[in-house]
Amino acid sequence: MCPCCEASLRVDPVTRAVISHTPKPVARTFADMEAAAKAMREGDVRKESLFRQSVENEKNKADLLDKKFAEAVKKAKEAPDMSKPLLRDFDLD
């Protein structure tokens, strides 16, 4: 028995090599087709709500970027004028 995947392993006792590997049987996800169809419909509803949320986030993204840009422009206007070279102490000598 594999401790990781719970598969059945046949090991040769002499060489200690794996001779065969039988994977663990996978349990059914749904009992019948009705349950599977219901899960698909619920998944579609969830996908639609996630899409609507992402559309709303994209609409708000433009406003957020405009606010950030306005703040950056405000900071740039308050910053000292860098077009003129700064005078250093040894420039005055």
C-alpha atoms as a PDB file:
ATOM      1  CA  MET A   1       0.000   0.000   0.000  1.00  0.00           C
ATOM      2  CA  CYS A   2       1.433   3.368  -1.055  1.00  0.00           C
ATOM      3  CA  PRO A   3       1.288   5.868   1.845  1.00  0.00           C
ATOM      4  CA  CYS A   4       0.848   8.840  -0.492  1.00  0.00           C
ATOM      5  CA  CYS A   5      -1.799   7.768  -3.000  1.00  0.00           C
ATOM      6  CA  GLU A   6      -3.110   4.637  -1.266  1.00  0.00           C
ATOM      7  CA  ALA A   7      -2.498   2.554  -4.396  1.00  0.00           C
ATOM      8  CA  SER A   8      -1.765  -1.169  -4.237  1.00  0.00           C
ATOM      9  CA  LEU A   9       1.875  -1.978  -4.915  1.00  0.00           C
ATOM     10  CA  ARG A  10       3.436  -5.382  -5.563  1.00  0.00           C
ATOM     11  CA  VAL A  11       7.066  -5.429  -4.550  1.00  0.00           C
ATOM     12  CA  ASP A  12       9.586  -8.151  -5.375  1.00  0.00           C
ATOM     13  CA  PRO A  13      11.055  -9.196  -2.004  1.00  0.00           C
ATOM     14  CA  VAL A  14      14.416 -10.162  -3.464  1.00  0.00           C
ATOM     15  CA  THR A  15      15.158  -7.074  -5.559  1.00  0.00           C
ATOM     16  CA  ARG A  16      12.860  -4.770  -3.591  1.00  0.00           C
ATOM     17  CA  ALA A  17      11.566  -3.323  -6.857  1.00  0.00           C
ATOM     18  CA  VAL A  18       7.949  -2.417  -7.604  1.00  0.00           C
ATOM     19  CA  ILE A  19       6.505  -5.067  -9.927  1.00  0.00           C
ATOM     20  CA  SER A  20       3.014  -3.630 -10.384  1.00  0.00           C
ATOM     21  CA  HIS A  21       1.011  -0.605  -9.385  1.00  0.00           C
ATOM     22  CA  THR A  22      -2.788  -0.537  -9.131  1.00  0.00           C
ATOM     23  CA  PRO A  23      -4.211   2.944  -8.472  1.00  0.00           C
ATOM     24  CA  LYS A  24      -6.832   3.455  -5.799  1.00  0.00           C
ATOM     25  CA  PRO A  25     -10.346   3.329  -7.259  1.00  0.00           C
ATOM     26  CA  VAL A  26     -11.787   6.792  -7.631  1.00  0.00           C
ATOM     27  CA  ALA A  27     -15.082   7.358  -5.853  1.00  0.00           C
ATOM     28  CA  ARG A  28     -17.934   8.782  -7.885  1.00  0.00           C
ATOM     29  CA  THR A  29     -18.428  12.491  -7.483  1.00  0.00           C
ATOM     30  CA  PHE A  30     -22.175  12.389  -8.092  1.00  0.00           C
ATOM     31  CA  ALA A  31     -24.717   9.672  -7.310  1.00  0.00           C
ATOM     32  CA  ASP A  32     -26.766  10.236 -10.454  1.00  0.00           C
ATOM     33  CA  MET A  33     -27.115  12.466 -13.503  1.00  0.00           C
ATOM     34  CA  GLU A  34     -29.618  14.781 -11.783  1.00  0.00           C
ATOM     35  CA  ALA A  35     -27.096  15.663  -9.088  1.00  0.00           C
ATOM     36  CA  ALA A  36     -24.427  16.274 -11.739  1.00  0.00           C
ATOM     37  CA  ALA A  37     -26.769  18.525 -13.746  1.00  0.00           C
ATOM     38  CA  LYS A  38     -27.696  20.468 -10.615  1.00  0.00           C
ATOM     39  CA  ALA A  39     -24.019  20.971  -9.789  1.00  0.00           C
ATOM     40  CA  MET A  40     -23.388  22.221 -13.341  1.00  0.00           C
ATOM     41  CA  ARG A  41     -26.221  24.758 -13.053  1.00  0.00           C
ATOM     42  CA  GLU A  42     -24.877  25.959  -9.695  1.00  0.00           C
ATOM     43  CA  GLY A  43     -21.433  26.261 -11.235  1.00  0.00           C
ATOM     44  CA  ASP A  44     -22.853  28.371 -14.072  1.00  0.00           C
ATOM     45  CA  VAL A  45     -24.535  30.707 -11.579  1.00  0.00           C
ATOM     46  CA  ARG A  46     -21.257  31.048  -9.658  1.00  0.00           C
ATOM     47  CA  LYS A  47     -19.313  31.791 -12.857  1.00  0.00           C
ATOM     48  CA  GLU A  48     -21.822  34.469 -13.823  1.00  0.00           C
ATOM     49  CA  SER A  49     -21.588  36.168 -10.422  1.00  0.00           C
ATOM     50  CA  LEU A  50     -17.777  36.130 -10.580  1.00  0.00           C
ATOM     51  CA  PHE A  51     -17.920  37.656 -14.056  1.00  0.00           C
ATOM     52  CA  ARG A  52     -20.259  40.428 -12.909  1.00  0.00           C
ATOM     53  CA  GLN A  53     -17.966  41.146  -9.978  1.00  0.00           C
ATOM     54  CA  SER A  54     -14.943  41.400 -12.263  1.00  0.00           C
ATOM     55  CA  VAL A  55     -16.846  43.794 -14.556  1.00  0.00           C
ATOM     56  CA  GLU A  56     -17.668  45.997 -11.565  1.00  0.00           C
ATOM     57  CA  ASN A  57     -14.024  45.915 -10.474  1.00  0.00           C
ATOM     58  CA  GLU A  58     -12.939  47.017 -13.950  1.00  0.00           C
ATOM     59  CA  LYS A  59     -15.403  49.926 -13.860  1.00  0.00           C
ATOM     60  CA  ASN A  60     -14.043  51.052 -10.496  1.00  0.00           C
ATOM     61  CA  LYS A  61     -10.481  50.542 -11.684  1.00  0.00           C
ATOM     62  CA  ALA A  62     -10.650  53.599 -13.954  1.00  0.00           C
ATOM     63  CA  ASP A  63     -11.824  55.802 -11.073  1.00  0.00           C
ATOM     64  CA  LEU A  64      -9.087  54.472  -8.828  1.00  0.00           C
ATOM     65  CA  LEU A  65      -6.406  55.107 -11.447  1.00  0.00           C
ATOM     66  CA  ASP A  66      -7.733  58.651 -12.003  1.00  0.00           C
ATOM     67  CA  LYS A  67      -7.491  59.352  -8.258  1.00  0.00           C
ATOM     68  CA  LYS A  68      -3.961  57.963  -8.106  1.00  0.00           C
ATOM     69  CA  PHE A  69      -2.943  60.064 -11.108  1.00  0.00           C
ATOM     70  CA  ALA A  70      -4.432  63.217  -9.583  1.00  0.00           C
ATOM     71  CA  GLU A  71      -2.532  62.546  -6.347  1.00  0.00           C
ATOM     72  CA  ALA A  72       0.714  62.041  -8.277  1.00  0.00           C
ATOM     73  CA  VAL A  73       0.187  65.309 -10.163  1.00  0.00           C
ATOM     74  CA  LYS A  74      -0.467  67.102  -6.866  1.00  0.00           C
ATOM     75  CA  LYS A  75       2.745  65.706  -5.369  1.00  0.00           C
ATOM     76  CA  ALA A  76       4.690  66.659  -8.492  1.00  0.00           C
ATOM     77  CA  LYS A  77       3.469  70.264  -8.255  1.00  0.00           C
ATOM     78  CA  GLU A  78       4.455  70.449  -4.591  1.00  0.00           C
ATOM     79  CA  ALA A  79       7.930  69.021  -5.243  1.00  0.00           C
ATOM     80  CA  PRO A  80      10.815  71.428  -5.836  1.00  0.00           C
ATOM     81  CA  ASP A  81      11.599  72.442  -9.395  1.00  0.00           C
ATOM     82  CA  MET A  82      14.237  70.046 -10.673  1.00  0.00           C
ATOM     83  CA  SER A  83      14.747  71.804 -14.025  1.00  0.00           C
ATOM     84  CA  LYS A  84      17.406  74.055 -12.466  1.00  0.00           C
ATOM     85  CA  PRO A  85      20.533  72.333 -11.214  1.00  0.00           C
ATOM     86  CA  LEU A  86      20.891  72.313  -7.459  1.00  0.00           C
ATOM     87  CA  LEU A  87      23.765  74.278  -5.973  1.00  0.00           C
ATOM     88  CA  ARG A  88      26.108  72.196  -3.944  1.00  0.00           C
ATOM     89  CA  ASP A  89      28.520  73.521  -1.307  1.00  0.00           C
ATOM     90  CA  PHE A  90      31.591  73.125  -3.486  1.00  0.00           C
ATOM     91  CA  ASP A  91      29.853  74.955  -6.371  1.00  0.00           C
ATOM     92  CA  LEU A  92      29.899  78.118  -4.252  1.00  0.00           C
ATOM     93  CA  ASP A  93      33.698  78.103  -3.806  1.00  0.00           C
END
